[in-house]
Amino acid sequence: MASHMTSVDATGLGAGDLPADVFKLIVDLTANPFVVIRPDGLILYAGESVERLLGWTPDQIAGKNIVEFLPAEQVELAIVV
């Protein structure tokens, strides 16, 4: 039986009753970058499309703070939101 993601799994992803492998496949094949970010800005997960569109591999950005990747003029806005 495939594992299922509950409301929050080890990576912080939430997908209800969708099997984890199906959720990851959908996220990785989407044309848009998919990133899960905690309220404090820590990047918990990034889909494969991040590399294709932004140039960084998921491993390069996971575990870092989103402000490290934002232009200086957007950092203040990101912290407020």
C-alpha atoms as a PDB file:
ATOM      1  CA  MET A   1       0.000   0.000   0.000  1.00  0.00           C
ATOM      2  CA  ALA A   2       1.336   3.452  -0.914  1.00  0.00           C
ATOM      3  CA  SER A   3       2.018   5.860   1.904  1.00  0.00           C
ATOM      4  CA  HIS A   4      -0.391   8.747   2.175  1.00  0.00           C
ATOM      5  CA  MET A   5       0.345  12.277   3.180  1.00  0.00           C
ATOM      6  CA  THR A   6      -1.732  13.445   6.064  1.00  0.00           C
ATOM      7  CA  SER A   7      -2.354  17.108   6.783  1.00  0.00           C
ATOM      8  CA  VAL A   8       1.367  17.498   7.553  1.00  0.00           C
ATOM      9  CA  ASP A   9       4.104  14.971   6.918  1.00  0.00           C
ATOM     10  CA  ALA A  10       7.816  15.087   7.750  1.00  0.00           C
ATOM     11  CA  THR A  11       8.516  17.744   5.113  1.00  0.00           C
ATOM     12  CA  GLY A  12       5.580  19.898   6.140  1.00  0.00           C
ATOM     13  CA  LEU A  13       3.664  19.075   2.981  1.00  0.00           C
ATOM     14  CA  GLY A  14      -0.061  18.616   3.199  1.00  0.00           C
ATOM     15  CA  ALA A  15      -2.030  16.774   0.587  1.00  0.00           C
ATOM     16  CA  GLY A  16      -4.989  15.251   2.378  1.00  0.00           C
ATOM     17  CA  ASP A  17      -5.551  11.668   1.241  1.00  0.00           C
ATOM     18  CA  LEU A  18      -3.416  11.896  -1.902  1.00  0.00           C
ATOM     19  CA  PRO A  19      -0.684   9.221  -1.989  1.00  0.00           C
ATOM     20  CA  ALA A  20       2.720  10.806  -1.346  1.00  0.00           C
ATOM     21  CA  ASP A  21       4.215   9.499  -4.596  1.00  0.00           C
ATOM     22  CA  VAL A  22       1.302  10.912  -6.637  1.00  0.00           C
ATOM     23  CA  PHE A  23       1.558  14.273  -4.883  1.00  0.00           C
ATOM     24  CA  LYS A  24       5.317  14.459  -5.571  1.00  0.00           C
ATOM     25  CA  LEU A  25       4.797  13.496  -9.217  1.00  0.00           C
ATOM     26  CA  ILE A  26       2.209  16.253  -9.689  1.00  0.00           C
ATOM     27  CA  VAL A  27       4.417  18.830  -7.963  1.00  0.00           C
ATOM     28  CA  ASP A  28       7.518  17.826  -9.918  1.00  0.00           C
ATOM     29  CA  LEU A  29       5.770  17.927 -13.297  1.00  0.00           C
ATOM     30  CA  THR A  30       4.036  21.255 -12.839  1.00  0.00           C
ATOM     31  CA  ALA A  31       5.262  24.100 -15.039  1.00  0.00           C
ATOM     32  CA  ASN A  32       5.418  26.481 -12.073  1.00  0.00           C
ATOM     33  CA  PRO A  33       7.954  26.243  -9.273  1.00  0.00           C
ATOM     34  CA  PHE A  34       6.387  24.635  -6.208  1.00  0.00           C
ATOM     35  CA  VAL A  35       7.972  25.541  -2.893  1.00  0.00           C
ATOM     36  CA  VAL A  36       6.720  24.901   0.654  1.00  0.00           C
ATOM     37  CA  ILE A  37       7.849  27.659   2.997  1.00  0.00           C
ATOM     38  CA  ARG A  38       7.278  27.927   6.756  1.00  0.00           C
ATOM     39  CA  PRO A  39       5.951  31.247   8.106  1.00  0.00           C
ATOM     40  CA  ASP A  40       9.481  32.135   9.262  1.00  0.00           C
ATOM     41  CA  GLY A  41      10.734  31.768   5.671  1.00  0.00           C
ATOM     42  CA  LEU A  42      12.469  28.379   5.953  1.00  0.00           C
ATOM     43  CA  ILE A  43      12.107  26.399   2.719  1.00  0.00           C
ATOM     44  CA  LEU A  44      10.865  22.914   3.577  1.00  0.00           C
ATOM     45  CA  TYR A  45      10.416  21.493   0.093  1.00  0.00           C
ATOM     46  CA  ALA A  46      10.981  22.470  -3.518  1.00  0.00           C
ATOM     47  CA  GLY A  47       9.712  20.619  -6.569  1.00  0.00           C
ATOM     48  CA  GLU A  48      11.923  19.658  -9.496  1.00  0.00           C
ATOM     49  CA  SER A  49      10.578  22.520 -11.637  1.00  0.00           C
ATOM     50  CA  VAL A  50      12.514  24.960  -9.445  1.00  0.00           C
ATOM     51  CA  GLU A  51      15.744  24.024 -11.190  1.00  0.00           C
ATOM     52  CA  ARG A  52      14.288  24.299 -14.682  1.00  0.00           C
ATOM     53  CA  LEU A  53      12.811  27.735 -14.046  1.00  0.00           C
ATOM     54  CA  LEU A  54      15.032  29.336 -11.412  1.00  0.00           C
ATOM     55  CA  GLY A  55      18.373  27.602 -11.881  1.00  0.00           C
ATOM     56  CA  TRP A  56      18.722  26.170  -8.362  1.00  0.00           C
ATOM     57  CA  THR A  57      18.251  22.490  -7.553  1.00  0.00           C
ATOM     58  CA  PRO A  58      15.711  21.602  -4.877  1.00  0.00           C
ATOM     59  CA  ASP A  59      18.601  20.465  -2.657  1.00  0.00           C
ATOM     60  CA  GLN A  60      20.304  23.848  -3.050  1.00  0.00           C
ATOM     61  CA  ILE A  61      17.354  25.750  -1.640  1.00  0.00           C
ATOM     62  CA  ALA A  62      15.723  23.323   0.817  1.00  0.00           C
ATOM     63  CA  GLY A  63      16.672  24.190   4.382  1.00  0.00           C
ATOM     64  CA  LYS A  64      17.525  27.795   3.551  1.00  0.00           C
ATOM     65  CA  ASN A  65      15.519  30.931   4.157  1.00  0.00           C
ATOM     66  CA  ILE A  66      13.555  32.345   1.229  1.00  0.00           C
ATOM     67  CA  VAL A  67      15.061  35.810   1.778  1.00  0.00           C
ATOM     68  CA  GLU A  68      18.424  34.424   0.594  1.00  0.00           C
ATOM     69  CA  PHE A  69      16.910  34.124  -2.892  1.00  0.00           C
ATOM     70  CA  LEU A  70      14.976  37.395  -3.095  1.00  0.00           C
ATOM     71  CA  PRO A  71      16.153  40.702  -4.536  1.00  0.00           C
ATOM     72  CA  ALA A  72      16.938  43.203  -1.771  1.00  0.00           C
ATOM     73  CA  GLU A  73      13.877  45.314  -2.581  1.00  0.00           C
ATOM     74  CA  GLN A  74      11.540  42.327  -1.996  1.00  0.00           C
ATOM     75  CA  VAL A  75      12.989  41.136   1.318  1.00  0.00           C
ATOM     76  CA  GLU A  76      11.027  43.626   3.430  1.00  0.00           C
ATOM     77  CA  LEU A  77       7.778  42.685   1.704  1.00  0.00           C
ATOM     78  CA  ALA A  78       8.458  38.966   2.252  1.00  0.00           C
ATOM     79  CA  ILE A  79       9.087  39.520   5.963  1.00  0.00           C
ATOM     80  CA  VAL A  80       5.854  41.520   6.373  1.00  0.00           C
ATOM     81  CA  VAL A  81       3.710  38.918   4.612  1.00  0.00           C
END
